[in-house]
């Protein structure tokens, strides 16, 4: 059919072994040397070259007392053979890596309230533990990361738990405590035995809608009737800290972020509640029944070593 490549019969296609023989003959310049290079007898190699010539319908090698010399057709054939053999070698490596944990590309997502504070600590450990790992990172909101898992665009994601989503499996890594964050001159900055009910919910600053941390904070401090929870929203934890430093209000801050340097240089006070408030758990999520479950669980095990 016009526009379509002609399908050749299997009997006329060269084998990989024959292509190896031809490449070895080019490299060694003699049948004896080529046979030694590929680990066969000289008659076996000679027979293989003849079969290749018969399949292609052309003479590839000039045989003489001085050795073996490739014909122009042989030079063209061996150049193509080298490319084919390299592609096959790449295929073998890729398949073997796919069967080996964290060997090759692993696509990992993380939410913005975890990524900048956990990944700088985790990446060196992962690289040391799995030197063949090629990590592709994506930072995004939880809902979009979950969509990425379902569509197979991601292999795993670091999210805040609890988070229920059909078809998504999760495993917790560590509980993340909430601290109270306020301006340095705030009345609660030095209050002893601080508790959540002492926090004025009218002052509470939150992340924008879509951040799961917002929902976790609202579960602890409820804005009073008449005040919308989205009156004041920050796009990131760094922005939220600067809003607090500017006297716009107070907020709840994950311990992971506080210890990760998000408040560095800001005129704020970070206080622990008298009874520690566990606002969320940091966990690993993956597509339920997917082929990367073992690696997702291994990732969680490695991350636990950081805490």
Protein backbone atom coordinates (compact mmCIF):
# COMPACT_ATOMS: atom_id res chain seq x y z
CA UNK A 1 0.00 0.00 0.00
CA UNK A 2 1.30 3.43 -0.92
CA UNK A 3 2.78 5.39 2.02
CA UNK A 4 3.38 2.28 4.13
CA UNK A 5 6.70 0.50 4.59
CA UNK A 6 6.90 -2.97 3.10
CA UNK A 7 6.80 -5.74 5.69
CA UNK A 8 9.73 -8.08 5.10
CA UNK A 9 9.40 -11.82 5.65
CA UNK A 10 11.07 -13.05 8.82
CA UNK A 11 13.40 -15.27 6.83
CA UNK A 12 15.02 -12.22 5.20
CA UNK A 13 15.62 -10.34 8.45
CA UNK A 14 19.10 -10.49 9.99
CA UNK A 15 19.45 -11.79 13.52
CA UNK A 16 21.12 -9.87 16.31
CA UNK A 17 23.80 -12.54 16.47
CA UNK A 18 24.60 -12.03 12.78
CA UNK A 19 24.85 -8.28 13.32
CA UNK A 20 27.23 -8.89 16.24
CA UNK A 21 29.36 -11.09 13.98
CA UNK A 22 29.55 -8.36 11.34
CA UNK A 23 30.43 -5.67 13.88
CA UNK A 24 33.15 -7.87 15.38
CA UNK A 25 34.56 -8.56 11.92
CA UNK A 26 34.77 -4.84 11.24
CA UNK A 27 36.53 -4.25 14.57
CA UNK A 28 38.98 -7.20 14.39
CA UNK A 29 39.68 -7.34 10.64
CA UNK A 30 39.78 -11.14 10.52
CA UNK A 31 37.44 -14.08 10.99
CA UNK A 32 39.68 -15.65 13.62
CA UNK A 33 39.91 -12.46 15.68
CA UNK A 34 36.18 -11.74 15.33
CA UNK A 35 35.31 -15.28 16.39
CA UNK A 36 37.46 -14.94 19.52
CA UNK A 37 35.87 -11.56 20.32
CA UNK A 38 32.31 -12.91 20.32
CA UNK A 39 33.16 -16.31 21.82
CA UNK A 40 32.36 -18.64 18.91
CA UNK A 41 34.39 -20.82 16.56
CA UNK A 42 35.67 -19.40 13.27
CA UNK A 43 33.41 -21.71 11.18
CA UNK A 44 30.35 -20.60 13.20
CA UNK A 45 31.14 -16.94 12.59
CA UNK A 46 31.88 -17.50 8.91
CA UNK A 47 28.62 -19.37 8.50
CA UNK A 48 26.72 -16.58 10.22
CA UNK A 49 28.18 -13.95 7.89
CA UNK A 50 27.26 -16.05 4.85
CA UNK A 51 23.69 -16.42 6.14
CA UNK A 52 23.52 -12.65 6.63
CA UNK A 53 24.73 -12.04 3.08
CA UNK A 54 22.15 -14.50 1.77
CA UNK A 55 19.36 -12.82 3.71
CA UNK A 56 20.33 -9.37 2.41
CA UNK A 57 21.19 -10.57 -1.08
CA UNK A 58 24.52 -8.77 -1.21
CA UNK A 59 28.21 -9.46 -0.56
CA UNK A 60 29.30 -7.78 2.68
CA UNK A 61 32.84 -9.08 3.11
CA UNK A 62 35.79 -9.57 0.77
CA UNK A 63 37.77 -12.55 1.98
CA UNK A 64 41.49 -12.70 1.27
CA UNK A 65 44.84 -13.79 2.61
CA UNK A 66 45.34 -10.40 4.23
CA UNK A 67 42.12 -10.81 6.19
CA UNK A 68 38.53 -9.67 5.82
CA UNK A 69 37.59 -6.32 4.29
CA UNK A 70 34.07 -4.95 4.26
CA UNK A 71 32.56 -4.02 0.90
CA UNK A 72 30.79 -0.66 0.51
CA UNK A 73 27.52 -2.49 1.20
CA UNK A 74 29.18 -4.07 4.23
CA UNK A 75 30.21 -0.64 5.55
CA UNK A 76 26.61 0.58 5.28
CA UNK A 77 25.32 -2.58 6.92
CA UNK A 78 27.76 -2.47 9.83
CA UNK A 79 26.99 1.20 10.57
CA UNK A 80 23.29 0.36 10.84
CA UNK A 81 24.12 -2.79 12.79
CA UNK A 82 26.04 -0.75 15.38
CA UNK A 83 23.02 1.49 15.93
CA UNK A 84 20.67 -1.47 16.25
CA UNK A 85 22.95 -3.23 18.74
CA UNK A 86 23.24 -0.08 20.86
CA UNK A 87 19.46 0.35 20.89
CA UNK A 88 19.01 -3.25 21.96
CA UNK A 89 21.57 -2.73 24.72
CA UNK A 90 19.61 0.33 25.86
CA UNK A 91 16.41 -1.73 25.85
CA UNK A 92 18.02 -4.41 28.01
CA UNK A 93 19.32 -1.81 30.48
CA UNK A 94 15.94 -0.06 30.68
CA UNK A 95 14.03 -3.28 31.30
CA UNK A 96 16.49 -4.44 33.94
CA UNK A 97 16.32 -1.07 35.68
CA UNK A 98 12.53 -1.19 35.60
CA UNK A 99 12.68 -4.37 37.62
CA UNK A 100 15.15 -2.91 40.13
CA UNK A 101 13.89 -0.66 42.91
CA UNK A 102 14.63 3.04 42.33
CA UNK A 103 16.81 2.37 39.28
CA UNK A 104 15.80 4.80 36.57
CA UNK A 105 13.15 7.51 36.52
CA UNK A 106 10.83 7.92 39.49
CA UNK A 107 8.28 10.74 39.28
CA UNK A 108 7.59 12.19 42.72
CA UNK A 109 5.13 14.91 43.63
CA UNK A 110 5.00 16.94 46.83
CA UNK A 111 2.69 19.61 48.23
CA UNK A 112 4.12 23.13 48.76
CA UNK A 113 3.93 22.92 52.56
CA UNK A 114 6.17 19.82 52.53
CA UNK A 115 8.42 20.04 49.46
CA UNK A 116 10.80 22.91 50.41
CA UNK A 117 11.25 21.68 53.97
CA UNK A 118 11.53 17.91 53.56
CA UNK A 119 13.07 17.36 50.14
CA UNK A 120 16.39 19.16 50.81
CA UNK A 121 16.95 16.70 53.65
CA UNK A 122 15.58 13.67 51.82
CA UNK A 123 17.25 13.97 48.42
CA UNK A 124 20.88 13.38 49.55
CA UNK A 125 19.76 10.32 51.51
CA UNK A 126 17.82 8.92 48.54
CA UNK A 127 20.75 9.56 46.19
CA UNK A 128 23.16 7.80 48.52
CA UNK A 129 20.84 4.86 49.07
CA UNK A 130 19.81 4.52 45.42
CA UNK A 131 22.62 5.83 43.16
CA UNK A 132 20.79 4.81 39.96
CA UNK A 133 17.70 6.84 40.88
CA UNK A 134 16.68 9.63 38.48
CA UNK A 135 14.13 11.65 40.44
CA UNK A 136 11.69 13.89 38.59
CA UNK A 137 9.99 16.30 41.03
CA UNK A 138 6.70 18.16 40.80
CA UNK A 139 5.34 20.57 43.43
CA UNK A 140 1.58 21.12 43.38
CA UNK A 141 -1.61 21.10 45.44
CA UNK A 142 -2.87 17.79 46.75
CA UNK A 143 -5.85 17.43 44.41
CA UNK A 144 -3.69 17.89 41.33
CA UNK A 145 -1.04 15.50 42.62
CA UNK A 146 -3.73 12.87 43.19
CA UNK A 147 -4.93 13.43 39.62
CA UNK A 148 -1.32 12.91 38.50
CA UNK A 149 -1.17 9.59 40.34
CA UNK A 150 -4.42 8.42 38.77
CA UNK A 151 -3.33 9.45 35.27
CA UNK A 152 0.04 7.72 35.77
CA UNK A 153 1.94 10.99 35.39
CA UNK A 154 3.32 10.51 38.91
CA UNK A 155 4.61 7.40 40.65
CA UNK A 156 4.18 8.66 44.23
CA UNK A 157 3.44 11.88 46.11
CA UNK A 158 4.26 13.40 49.49
CA UNK A 159 1.01 14.72 50.91
CA UNK A 160 -0.60 15.58 54.24
CA UNK A 161 -2.78 12.94 55.84
CA UNK A 162 -5.54 12.13 56.40
CA UNK A 163 -6.64 12.42 52.79
CA UNK A 164 -9.20 10.03 51.37
CA UNK A 165 -9.28 9.59 47.60
CA UNK A 166 -10.71 6.71 45.61
CA UNK A 167 -8.02 4.53 44.07
CA UNK A 168 -5.20 6.10 46.10
CA UNK A 169 -3.28 4.24 48.81
CA UNK A 170 -1.27 6.01 51.50
CA UNK A 171 1.16 5.25 54.27
CA UNK A 172 2.11 7.72 57.04
CA UNK A 173 5.71 8.74 57.61
CA UNK A 174 5.58 11.04 60.64
CA UNK A 175 3.14 13.18 62.61
CA UNK A 176 3.65 16.90 62.09
CA UNK A 177 2.95 19.03 65.15
CA UNK A 178 1.42 22.50 64.86
CA UNK A 179 3.10 25.51 66.47
CA UNK A 180 1.52 28.88 67.22
CA UNK A 181 3.00 31.78 65.26
CA UNK A 182 2.45 35.41 66.19
CA UNK A 183 4.23 38.81 66.04
CA UNK A 184 6.99 39.20 68.63
CA UNK A 185 4.96 41.79 70.56
CA UNK A 186 1.74 39.76 70.59
CA UNK A 187 0.10 39.14 74.02
CA UNK A 188 0.43 35.37 73.56
CA UNK A 189 4.11 35.54 72.59
CA UNK A 190 5.15 34.79 76.17
CA UNK A 191 1.97 33.20 77.56
CA UNK A 192 2.62 30.12 79.65
CA UNK A 193 0.71 26.88 79.07
CA UNK A 194 -0.60 28.01 75.70
CA UNK A 195 -3.72 26.22 74.43
CA UNK A 196 -5.72 26.48 71.18
CA UNK A 197 -8.73 28.03 72.93
CA UNK A 198 -6.59 31.06 73.82
CA UNK A 199 -6.07 31.82 70.13
CA UNK A 200 -8.41 34.51 68.84
CA UNK A 201 -9.86 32.99 65.68
CA UNK A 202 -10.60 36.53 64.42
CA UNK A 203 -6.84 36.98 64.02
CA UNK A 204 -6.26 33.68 62.27
CA UNK A 205 -4.45 33.87 58.93
CA UNK A 206 -4.70 30.96 56.52
CA UNK A 207 -3.35 29.72 53.24
CA UNK A 208 -5.51 30.13 50.17
CA UNK A 209 -8.28 27.67 49.44
CA UNK A 210 -6.93 24.44 47.96
CA UNK A 211 -4.12 23.98 50.48
CA UNK A 212 -4.87 21.07 52.79
CA UNK A 213 -2.97 22.84 55.58
CA UNK A 214 -5.76 25.42 55.57
CA UNK A 215 -8.34 22.73 56.35
CA UNK A 216 -6.19 21.27 59.12
CA UNK A 217 -5.81 24.68 60.74
CA UNK A 218 -9.56 25.33 60.53
CA UNK A 219 -10.20 22.01 62.26
CA UNK A 220 -8.32 23.37 65.30
CA UNK A 221 -9.28 27.05 65.29
CA UNK A 222 -12.77 27.86 64.03
CA UNK A 223 -13.41 31.39 62.72
CA UNK A 224 -16.43 32.95 64.47
CA UNK A 225 -19.82 33.37 62.73
CA UNK A 226 -19.84 36.33 60.38
CA UNK A 227 -16.19 36.01 59.37
CA UNK A 228 -15.48 34.14 56.18
CA UNK A 229 -12.56 31.72 56.36
CA UNK A 230 -11.19 33.07 53.08
CA UNK A 231 -11.11 36.75 54.08
CA UNK A 232 -7.31 36.68 54.23
CA UNK A 233 -5.35 33.98 52.41
CA UNK A 234 -1.66 33.54 51.64
CA UNK A 235 -0.22 31.78 48.63
CA UNK A 236 2.61 30.09 50.55
CA UNK A 237 3.95 29.53 54.06
CA UNK A 238 6.70 32.08 53.42
CA UNK A 239 4.06 34.69 52.59
CA UNK A 240 2.03 33.66 55.63
CA UNK A 241 5.02 34.17 57.92
CA UNK A 242 5.65 37.64 56.50
CA UNK A 243 1.98 38.55 57.00
CA UNK A 244 2.27 37.54 60.64
CA UNK A 245 5.54 39.47 61.00
CA UNK A 246 3.74 42.51 59.59
CA UNK A 247 1.15 42.38 62.36
CA UNK A 248 -1.74 41.20 60.18
CA UNK A 249 -2.63 38.31 62.48
CA UNK A 250 -1.54 34.93 63.82
CA UNK A 251 -1.43 31.44 62.37
CA UNK A 252 -0.65 27.79 62.97
CA UNK A 253 2.63 26.61 61.52
CA UNK A 254 3.76 23.01 60.92
CA UNK A 255 6.79 21.97 62.92
CA UNK A 256 8.39 20.68 59.71
CA UNK A 257 8.28 24.20 58.22
CA UNK A 258 9.35 25.93 61.42
CA UNK A 259 12.41 23.71 61.74
CA UNK A 260 13.00 23.99 58.00
CA UNK A 261 13.80 27.70 58.29
CA UNK A 262 10.59 29.31 57.06
CA UNK A 263 10.65 31.82 59.96
CA UNK A 264 14.35 32.65 59.62
CA UNK A 265 14.89 36.41 59.88
CA UNK A 266 11.21 37.21 60.50
CA UNK A 267 10.08 39.21 63.55
CA UNK A 268 7.81 36.49 64.86
CA UNK A 269 7.44 34.28 67.91
CA UNK A 270 7.06 30.53 67.53
CA UNK A 271 5.33 28.84 70.47
CA UNK A 272 4.56 25.23 71.20
CA UNK A 273 1.18 24.42 72.73
CA UNK A 274 1.22 23.02 76.26
CA UNK A 275 -0.38 19.84 74.94
CA UNK A 276 1.21 19.19 71.54
CA UNK A 277 -1.26 19.62 68.69
CA UNK A 278 -0.74 17.10 65.91
CA UNK A 279 -2.36 18.86 63.01
CA UNK A 280 -1.48 16.43 60.23
CA UNK A 281 0.66 13.47 59.26
CA UNK A 282 3.16 13.53 56.43
CA UNK A 283 2.66 10.53 54.20
CA UNK A 284 3.40 8.90 50.86
CA UNK A 285 0.59 8.27 48.37
CA UNK A 286 0.49 6.13 45.24
CA UNK A 287 -2.01 4.65 42.80
CA UNK A 288 -3.67 1.64 44.39
CA UNK A 289 -2.64 -1.53 42.59
CA UNK A 290 0.08 0.31 40.66
CA UNK A 291 3.49 -1.21 39.89
CA UNK A 292 5.43 1.28 42.05
CA UNK A 293 3.86 0.36 45.41
CA UNK A 294 6.98 -1.37 46.72
CA UNK A 295 9.08 1.69 45.90
CA UNK A 296 6.52 4.03 47.48
CA UNK A 297 6.70 2.04 50.70
CA UNK A 298 10.50 2.00 50.50
CA UNK A 299 10.41 5.79 50.09
CA UNK A 300 8.37 6.07 53.28
CA UNK A 301 10.89 3.88 55.11
CA UNK A 302 13.77 6.08 53.97
CA UNK A 303 11.95 9.28 54.99
CA UNK A 304 11.31 7.92 58.48
CA UNK A 305 15.07 7.85 59.00
CA UNK A 306 15.01 11.68 58.94
CA UNK A 307 12.86 11.94 62.07
